[in-house]
């Protein structure tokens, strides 16, 4: 049995552009500054204890248990590198996932999410992308972009 918990958004966790490393096309790559906090460590202990309790109540013999946190990036639902909001000083994207600073840049993935709640974020990502595409098509029709 495995368990996944949400990593809370923290100002200490951020992404920036690596000043030295570049990809094979010469484009600078992202550098991640990301650590688990006390909440994530406590949540992992609680999930392990809850799982153990469920198995014992069901009469299942537990022969091994790993309580270590998986490495950052293990989950396929990493989110939150481009906050969405109305204030360009506190966010990267507007409500259509359009960059506040670069008008022809739309980030239509999970980057705008600060939280995944308790569900798989795929449907929300798809719905926001659809809304962004509708907005983009409308802007093209108006000649605004």
N, C-alpha and C. Protein backbone atom coordinates (compact mmCIF):
# COMPACT_ATOMS: atom_id res chain seq x y z
N UNK A 1 0.85 -1.18 0.00
CA UNK A 1 0.00 0.00 0.00
C UNK A 1 0.89 1.23 0.00
N UNK A 2 0.51 2.20 -0.76
CA UNK A 2 1.24 3.46 -0.78
C UNK A 2 0.28 4.60 -0.53
N UNK A 3 0.80 5.70 -0.08
CA UNK A 3 -0.03 6.87 0.19
C UNK A 3 0.66 8.12 -0.35
N UNK A 4 -0.13 9.02 -0.85
CA UNK A 4 0.38 10.30 -1.33
C UNK A 4 -0.30 11.41 -0.56
N UNK A 5 0.45 12.42 -0.20
CA UNK A 5 -0.11 13.59 0.48
C UNK A 5 0.31 14.85 -0.25
N UNK A 6 -0.40 15.89 0.01
CA UNK A 6 -0.13 17.16 -0.67
C UNK A 6 1.04 17.89 -0.02
N UNK A 7 1.93 18.39 -0.84
CA UNK A 7 3.02 19.24 -0.37
C UNK A 7 2.49 20.67 -0.37
N UNK A 8 2.49 21.27 0.78
CA UNK A 8 1.95 22.63 0.88
C UNK A 8 2.87 23.64 0.20
N UNK A 9 2.25 24.65 -0.38
CA UNK A 9 3.01 25.73 -1.01
C UNK A 9 3.75 26.50 0.08
N UNK A 10 5.05 26.70 -0.14
CA UNK A 10 5.88 27.44 0.81
C UNK A 10 6.80 28.35 0.03
N UNK A 11 7.05 29.54 0.56
CA UNK A 11 7.91 30.50 -0.13
C UNK A 11 9.34 29.99 -0.27
N UNK A 12 9.74 29.07 0.62
CA UNK A 12 11.09 28.51 0.54
C UNK A 12 11.28 27.59 -0.67
N UNK A 13 10.18 27.09 -1.20
CA UNK A 13 10.22 26.23 -2.39
C UNK A 13 9.96 27.10 -3.61
N UNK A 14 10.88 27.08 -4.56
CA UNK A 14 10.71 27.89 -5.76
C UNK A 14 11.52 27.32 -6.91
N UNK A 15 11.26 27.85 -8.08
CA UNK A 15 11.96 27.47 -9.31
C UNK A 15 12.59 28.72 -9.88
N UNK A 16 13.81 28.59 -10.38
CA UNK A 16 14.42 29.70 -11.09
C UNK A 16 15.18 29.15 -12.31
N UNK A 17 15.77 30.04 -13.06
CA UNK A 17 16.52 29.64 -14.25
C UNK A 17 17.97 29.43 -13.85
N UNK A 18 18.51 28.27 -14.19
CA UNK A 18 19.89 27.96 -13.87
C UNK A 18 20.81 28.89 -14.67
N UNK A 19 21.70 29.61 -14.02
CA UNK A 19 22.55 30.56 -14.75
C UNK A 19 23.64 29.90 -15.61
N UNK A 20 23.89 28.61 -15.41
CA UNK A 20 24.96 27.95 -16.14
C UNK A 20 24.50 26.80 -17.03
N UNK A 21 23.57 25.98 -16.55
CA UNK A 21 23.18 24.79 -17.30
C UNK A 21 22.19 25.14 -18.42
N UNK A 22 22.41 24.53 -19.60
CA UNK A 22 21.53 24.74 -20.75
C UNK A 22 21.16 23.38 -21.34
N UNK A 23 20.01 23.34 -22.02
CA UNK A 23 19.62 22.10 -22.69
C UNK A 23 20.37 21.96 -24.01
N UNK A 24 20.06 20.93 -24.78
CA UNK A 24 20.83 20.68 -26.00
C UNK A 24 20.61 21.73 -27.08
N UNK A 25 19.62 22.61 -26.91
CA UNK A 25 19.39 23.69 -27.87
C UNK A 25 19.96 25.02 -27.36
N UNK A 26 20.62 24.98 -26.21
CA UNK A 26 21.23 26.18 -25.65
C UNK A 26 20.29 27.01 -24.80
N UNK A 27 19.12 26.48 -24.48
CA UNK A 27 18.14 27.20 -23.66
C UNK A 27 18.42 26.90 -22.19
N UNK A 28 18.50 27.93 -21.35
CA UNK A 28 18.71 27.68 -19.91
C UNK A 28 17.60 26.80 -19.34
N UNK A 29 17.96 25.93 -18.42
CA UNK A 29 17.01 24.99 -17.81
C UNK A 29 16.55 25.50 -16.46
N UNK A 30 15.45 24.93 -15.98
CA UNK A 30 14.95 25.28 -14.67
C UNK A 30 15.78 24.62 -13.58
N UNK A 31 15.87 25.31 -12.46
CA UNK A 31 16.55 24.78 -11.28
C UNK A 31 15.51 24.80 -10.16
N UNK A 32 15.34 23.66 -9.51
CA UNK A 32 14.33 23.52 -8.47
C UNK A 32 14.96 23.64 -7.09
N UNK A 33 14.36 24.46 -6.26
CA UNK A 33 14.72 24.60 -4.84
C UNK A 33 13.49 24.12 -4.08
N UNK A 34 13.56 22.90 -3.55
CA UNK A 34 12.35 22.25 -3.07
C UNK A 34 12.70 21.26 -1.97
N UNK A 35 12.12 21.47 -0.81
CA UNK A 35 12.31 20.58 0.32
C UNK A 35 10.97 20.31 0.98
N UNK A 36 10.82 19.14 1.57
CA UNK A 36 9.63 18.86 2.35
C UNK A 36 9.72 19.61 3.67
N UNK A 37 8.58 20.04 4.18
CA UNK A 37 8.51 20.73 5.46
C UNK A 37 8.02 19.81 6.56
N UNK A 38 7.84 20.37 7.75
CA UNK A 38 7.36 19.59 8.89
C UNK A 38 6.00 18.96 8.61
N UNK A 39 5.12 19.71 7.92
CA UNK A 39 3.79 19.18 7.63
C UNK A 39 3.87 17.89 6.82
N UNK A 40 4.72 17.86 5.81
CA UNK A 40 4.83 16.67 4.97
C UNK A 40 5.40 15.48 5.76
N UNK A 41 6.38 15.75 6.60
CA UNK A 41 6.95 14.67 7.42
C UNK A 41 5.91 14.12 8.40
N UNK A 42 5.17 15.00 9.05
CA UNK A 42 4.14 14.56 10.00
C UNK A 42 3.01 13.83 9.27
N UNK A 43 2.66 14.30 8.08
CA UNK A 43 1.61 13.67 7.30
C UNK A 43 2.03 12.25 6.90
N UNK A 44 3.29 12.06 6.53
CA UNK A 44 3.78 10.73 6.15
C UNK A 44 3.70 9.76 7.33
N UNK A 45 4.05 10.23 8.51
CA UNK A 45 3.95 9.38 9.71
C UNK A 45 2.49 9.00 9.96
N UNK A 46 1.60 9.99 9.84
CA UNK A 46 0.17 9.73 10.07
C UNK A 46 -0.39 8.75 9.04
N UNK A 47 0.02 8.89 7.78
CA UNK A 47 -0.47 7.97 6.75
C UNK A 47 0.01 6.55 7.02
N UNK A 48 1.26 6.41 7.44
CA UNK A 48 1.80 5.08 7.74
C UNK A 48 1.07 4.46 8.93
N UNK A 49 0.84 5.25 9.96
CA UNK A 49 0.13 4.73 11.14
C UNK A 49 -1.30 4.37 10.80
N UNK A 50 -1.97 5.18 9.99
CA UNK A 50 -3.35 4.89 9.59
C UNK A 50 -3.42 3.62 8.76
N UNK A 51 -2.48 3.45 7.85
CA UNK A 51 -2.45 2.24 7.02
C UNK A 51 -2.22 1.00 7.89
N UNK A 52 -1.28 1.12 8.83
CA UNK A 52 -0.98 0.01 9.74
C UNK A 52 -2.22 -0.37 10.54
N UNK A 53 -2.92 0.62 11.05
CA UNK A 53 -4.13 0.38 11.84
C UNK A 53 -5.20 -0.32 10.98
N UNK A 54 -5.38 0.13 9.74
CA UNK A 54 -6.38 -0.49 8.86
C UNK A 54 -6.05 -1.96 8.59
N UNK A 55 -4.78 -2.22 8.28
CA UNK A 55 -4.38 -3.59 7.98
C UNK A 55 -4.54 -4.49 9.21
N UNK A 56 -4.14 -4.00 10.38
CA UNK A 56 -4.27 -4.80 11.60
C UNK A 56 -5.73 -5.09 11.91
N UNK A 57 -6.60 -4.10 11.76
CA UNK A 57 -8.03 -4.30 12.00
C UNK A 57 -8.63 -5.30 11.02
N UNK A 58 -8.07 -5.37 9.83
CA UNK A 58 -8.56 -6.31 8.81
C UNK A 58 -7.93 -7.70 9.00
N UNK A 59 -7.04 -7.85 9.98
CA UNK A 59 -6.41 -9.14 10.23
C UNK A 59 -5.26 -9.46 9.29
N UNK A 60 -4.72 -8.45 8.66
CA UNK A 60 -3.61 -8.65 7.73
C UNK A 60 -2.29 -8.55 8.49
N UNK A 61 -1.44 -9.55 8.30
CA UNK A 61 -0.13 -9.53 8.95
C UNK A 61 0.80 -8.60 8.18
N UNK A 62 1.38 -7.67 8.88
CA UNK A 62 2.32 -6.72 8.27
C UNK A 62 3.72 -7.29 8.42
N UNK A 63 4.37 -7.53 7.29
CA UNK A 63 5.71 -8.12 7.34
C UNK A 63 6.80 -7.09 7.05
N UNK A 64 6.43 -5.91 6.62
CA UNK A 64 7.41 -4.87 6.35
C UNK A 64 6.71 -3.53 6.19
N UNK A 65 7.42 -2.49 6.58
CA UNK A 65 6.83 -1.17 6.50
C UNK A 65 7.93 -0.15 6.25
N UNK A 66 7.74 0.68 5.26
CA UNK A 66 8.70 1.73 4.95
C UNK A 66 8.06 3.07 5.26
N UNK A 67 8.66 3.82 6.14
CA UNK A 67 8.09 5.11 6.55
C UNK A 67 8.82 6.30 5.94
N UNK A 68 9.74 6.04 5.04
CA UNK A 68 10.53 7.12 4.44
C UNK A 68 9.72 7.86 3.37
N UNK A 69 9.93 9.16 3.32
CA UNK A 69 9.30 9.95 2.26
C UNK A 69 9.96 9.61 0.92
N UNK A 70 9.15 9.53 -0.12
CA UNK A 70 9.70 9.33 -1.46
C UNK A 70 10.38 10.62 -1.90
N UNK A 71 11.31 10.55 -2.82
CA UNK A 71 12.01 11.77 -3.24
C UNK A 71 11.07 12.78 -3.91
N UNK A 72 11.43 14.05 -3.80
CA UNK A 72 10.66 15.08 -4.48
C UNK A 72 10.58 14.74 -5.96
N UNK A 73 9.41 15.00 -6.57
CA UNK A 73 9.23 14.69 -7.98
C UNK A 73 8.70 13.30 -8.24
N UNK A 74 8.53 12.48 -7.22
CA UNK A 74 8.05 11.12 -7.41
C UNK A 74 6.62 11.12 -7.93
N UNK A 75 5.80 11.99 -7.41
CA UNK A 75 4.40 12.07 -7.84
C UNK A 75 4.33 12.71 -9.22
N UNK A 76 3.37 12.27 -10.01
CA UNK A 76 3.22 12.85 -11.34
C UNK A 76 2.37 14.12 -11.31
N UNK A 77 1.96 14.56 -10.15
CA UNK A 77 1.09 15.73 -10.05
C UNK A 77 1.80 16.91 -9.40
N UNK A 78 3.03 17.15 -9.78
CA UNK A 78 3.75 18.29 -9.25
C UNK A 78 3.12 19.56 -9.81
N UNK A 79 2.85 20.49 -8.95
CA UNK A 79 2.11 21.70 -9.32
C UNK A 79 2.77 22.93 -8.72
N UNK A 80 2.36 24.09 -9.22
CA UNK A 80 2.60 25.33 -8.50
C UNK A 80 3.81 26.16 -8.86
N UNK A 81 4.37 26.07 -10.03
CA UNK A 81 5.53 26.90 -10.34
C UNK A 81 5.18 28.22 -10.99
N UNK A 82 3.90 28.43 -11.33
CA UNK A 82 3.48 29.68 -11.98
C UNK A 82 2.10 30.08 -11.44
N UNK A 83 2.09 30.69 -10.29
CA UNK A 83 0.85 31.04 -9.59
C UNK A 83 -0.10 31.86 -10.48
N UNK A 84 -1.39 31.52 -10.41
CA UNK A 84 -2.42 32.26 -11.14
C UNK A 84 -3.09 33.24 -10.18
N UNK A 85 -3.29 34.49 -10.65
CA UNK A 85 -3.96 35.48 -9.82
C UNK A 85 -4.13 36.79 -10.56
N UNK A 86 -4.86 37.69 -9.95
CA UNK A 86 -5.16 38.98 -10.58
C UNK A 86 -4.04 39.99 -10.42
N UNK A 87 -3.22 39.85 -9.38
CA UNK A 87 -2.19 40.83 -9.08
C UNK A 87 -0.84 40.37 -9.66
N UNK A 88 -0.32 41.10 -10.68
CA UNK A 88 0.96 40.70 -11.28
C UNK A 88 2.14 40.72 -10.31
N UNK A 89 2.01 41.42 -9.19
CA UNK A 89 3.09 41.44 -8.19
C UNK A 89 3.10 40.18 -7.34
N UNK A 90 1.97 39.46 -7.31
CA UNK A 90 1.87 38.27 -6.48
C UNK A 90 1.62 37.00 -7.28
N UNK A 91 1.55 37.12 -8.61
CA UNK A 91 1.25 35.96 -9.44
C UNK A 91 1.94 36.10 -10.79
N UNK A 92 2.03 34.99 -11.49
CA UNK A 92 2.69 34.94 -12.80
C UNK A 92 1.66 34.98 -13.92
N UNK A 93 0.50 34.35 -13.70
CA UNK A 93 -0.51 34.20 -14.74
C UNK A 93 -1.83 34.86 -14.35
N UNK A 94 -2.59 35.30 -15.37
CA UNK A 94 -3.93 35.81 -15.10
C UNK A 94 -4.94 34.66 -15.10
N UNK A 95 -6.22 34.97 -15.05
CA UNK A 95 -7.26 33.94 -14.95
C UNK A 95 -7.36 33.05 -16.19
N UNK A 96 -6.73 33.44 -17.28
CA UNK A 96 -6.72 32.62 -18.49
C UNK A 96 -5.39 31.89 -18.67
N UNK A 97 -4.59 31.85 -17.62
CA UNK A 97 -3.27 31.23 -17.60
C UNK A 97 -2.33 31.91 -18.60
N UNK A 98 -2.57 33.19 -18.82
CA UNK A 98 -1.75 34.02 -19.69
C UNK A 98 -0.76 34.78 -18.81
N UNK A 99 0.48 34.81 -19.24
CA UNK A 99 1.51 35.51 -18.47
C UNK A 99 1.16 36.99 -18.33
N UNK A 100 1.34 37.52 -17.13
CA UNK A 100 1.15 38.96 -16.92
C UNK A 100 2.19 39.75 -17.71
N UNK A 101 3.39 39.21 -17.86
CA UNK A 101 4.50 39.95 -18.46
C UNK A 101 4.72 39.66 -19.94
N UNK A 102 4.39 38.47 -20.39
CA UNK A 102 4.61 38.08 -21.78
C UNK A 102 3.25 37.69 -22.36
N UNK A 103 2.60 38.61 -23.06
CA UNK A 103 1.19 38.44 -23.46
C UNK A 103 0.94 37.26 -24.39
N UNK A 104 1.95 36.81 -25.14
CA UNK A 104 1.72 35.66 -26.02
C UNK A 104 2.15 34.34 -25.38
N UNK A 105 2.33 34.33 -24.06
CA UNK A 105 2.70 33.11 -23.34
C UNK A 105 1.52 32.64 -22.48
N UNK A 106 1.06 31.43 -22.76
CA UNK A 106 0.00 30.80 -21.98
C UNK A 106 0.57 29.52 -21.38
N UNK A 107 0.40 29.33 -20.09
CA UNK A 107 0.93 28.16 -19.40
C UNK A 107 -0.28 27.30 -19.00
N UNK A 108 -0.61 26.35 -19.86
CA UNK A 108 -1.86 25.60 -19.69
C UNK A 108 -1.60 24.19 -19.16
N UNK A 109 -0.92 24.14 -18.03
CA UNK A 109 -0.70 22.86 -17.36
C UNK A 109 -0.99 23.07 -15.87
N UNK A 110 -0.47 22.24 -15.02
CA UNK A 110 -0.73 22.34 -13.60
C UNK A 110 0.10 23.39 -12.88
N UNK A 111 0.92 24.13 -13.59
CA UNK A 111 1.79 25.12 -12.95
C UNK A 111 1.01 26.19 -12.20
N UNK A 112 -0.20 26.50 -12.67
CA UNK A 112 -0.97 27.57 -12.03
C UNK A 112 -1.61 27.13 -10.72
N UNK A 113 -1.61 25.85 -10.44
CA UNK A 113 -2.24 25.32 -9.22
C UNK A 113 -1.30 25.44 -8.02
N UNK A 114 -1.78 26.00 -6.96
CA UNK A 114 -0.99 26.02 -5.72
C UNK A 114 -1.34 24.83 -4.85
N UNK A 115 -2.48 24.23 -5.13
CA UNK A 115 -2.94 23.12 -4.31
C UNK A 115 -3.68 22.13 -5.19
N UNK A 116 -3.57 20.87 -4.86
CA UNK A 116 -4.28 19.84 -5.62
C UNK A 116 -5.50 19.33 -4.87
N UNK A 117 -5.79 19.90 -3.74
CA UNK A 117 -6.88 19.43 -2.90
C UNK A 117 -6.64 17.96 -2.59
N UNK A 118 -7.63 17.14 -2.76
CA UNK A 118 -7.43 15.71 -2.49
C UNK A 118 -7.75 14.87 -3.72
N UNK A 119 -7.76 15.49 -4.88
CA UNK A 119 -8.14 14.79 -6.10
C UNK A 119 -7.04 14.89 -7.15
N UNK A 120 -7.10 14.01 -8.11
CA UNK A 120 -6.23 14.08 -9.27
C UNK A 120 -6.56 15.40 -10.00
N UNK A 121 -5.57 16.22 -10.33
CA UNK A 121 -5.85 17.53 -10.92
C UNK A 121 -6.08 17.53 -12.42
N UNK A 122 -6.06 16.36 -13.06
CA UNK A 122 -6.11 16.31 -14.53
C UNK A 122 -7.35 16.99 -15.10
N UNK A 123 -8.52 16.74 -14.56
CA UNK A 123 -9.75 17.34 -15.11
C UNK A 123 -9.74 18.86 -14.95
N UNK A 124 -9.23 19.34 -13.84
CA UNK A 124 -9.15 20.79 -13.63
C UNK A 124 -8.17 21.40 -14.62
N UNK A 125 -7.05 20.75 -14.83
CA UNK A 125 -6.06 21.22 -15.81
C UNK A 125 -6.71 21.30 -17.19
N UNK A 126 -7.44 20.26 -17.57
CA UNK A 126 -8.09 20.23 -18.88
C UNK A 126 -9.15 21.33 -19.01
N UNK A 127 -9.95 21.54 -17.96
CA UNK A 127 -11.00 22.56 -18.01
C UNK A 127 -10.39 23.96 -18.13
N UNK A 128 -9.34 24.22 -17.36
CA UNK A 128 -8.69 25.54 -17.44
C UNK A 128 -8.03 25.74 -18.80
N UNK A 129 -7.45 24.70 -19.35
CA UNK A 129 -6.84 24.78 -20.68
C UNK A 129 -7.91 25.10 -21.73
N UNK A 130 -9.05 24.45 -21.63
CA UNK A 130 -10.15 24.71 -22.56
C UNK A 130 -10.57 26.17 -22.48
N UNK A 131 -10.74 26.67 -21.25
CA UNK A 131 -11.11 28.07 -21.06
C UNK A 131 -10.05 28.99 -21.66
N UNK A 132 -8.79 28.67 -21.45
CA UNK A 132 -7.70 29.48 -22.00
C UNK A 132 -7.73 29.47 -23.53
N UNK A 133 -7.99 28.31 -24.11
CA UNK A 133 -8.05 28.20 -25.57
C UNK A 133 -9.22 28.99 -26.14
N UNK A 134 -10.38 28.93 -25.47
CA UNK A 134 -11.52 29.74 -25.90
C UNK A 134 -11.19 31.23 -25.86
N UNK A 135 -10.54 31.65 -24.78
CA UNK A 135 -10.13 33.05 -24.64
C UNK A 135 -9.14 33.43 -25.74
N UNK A 136 -8.16 32.57 -25.96
CA UNK A 136 -7.14 32.84 -26.98
C UNK A 136 -7.77 32.95 -28.37
N UNK A 137 -8.68 32.03 -28.71
CA UNK A 137 -9.37 32.08 -30.01
C UNK A 137 -10.17 33.37 -30.14
N UNK A 138 -10.84 33.77 -29.08
CA UNK A 138 -11.60 35.01 -29.09
C UNK A 138 -10.69 36.23 -29.29
N UNK A 139 -9.56 36.22 -28.64
CA UNK A 139 -8.60 37.32 -28.78
C UNK A 139 -8.04 37.39 -30.19
N UNK A 140 -7.79 36.24 -30.81
CA UNK A 140 -7.32 36.22 -32.21
C UNK A 140 -8.39 36.80 -33.14
N UNK A 141 -9.66 36.40 -32.92
CA UNK A 141 -10.76 36.91 -33.75
C UNK A 141 -10.86 38.44 -33.66
N UNK A 142 -10.62 38.98 -32.47
CA UNK A 142 -10.70 40.41 -32.24
C UNK A 142 -9.42 41.15 -32.72
N UNK A 143 -8.39 40.37 -33.06
CA UNK A 143 -7.12 40.96 -33.48
C UNK A 143 -6.32 41.51 -32.31
N UNK A 144 -6.66 41.07 -31.10
CA UNK A 144 -5.98 41.58 -29.90
C UNK A 144 -4.62 40.93 -29.67
N UNK A 145 -4.38 39.79 -30.26
CA UNK A 145 -3.09 39.11 -30.09
C UNK A 145 -2.44 38.87 -31.44
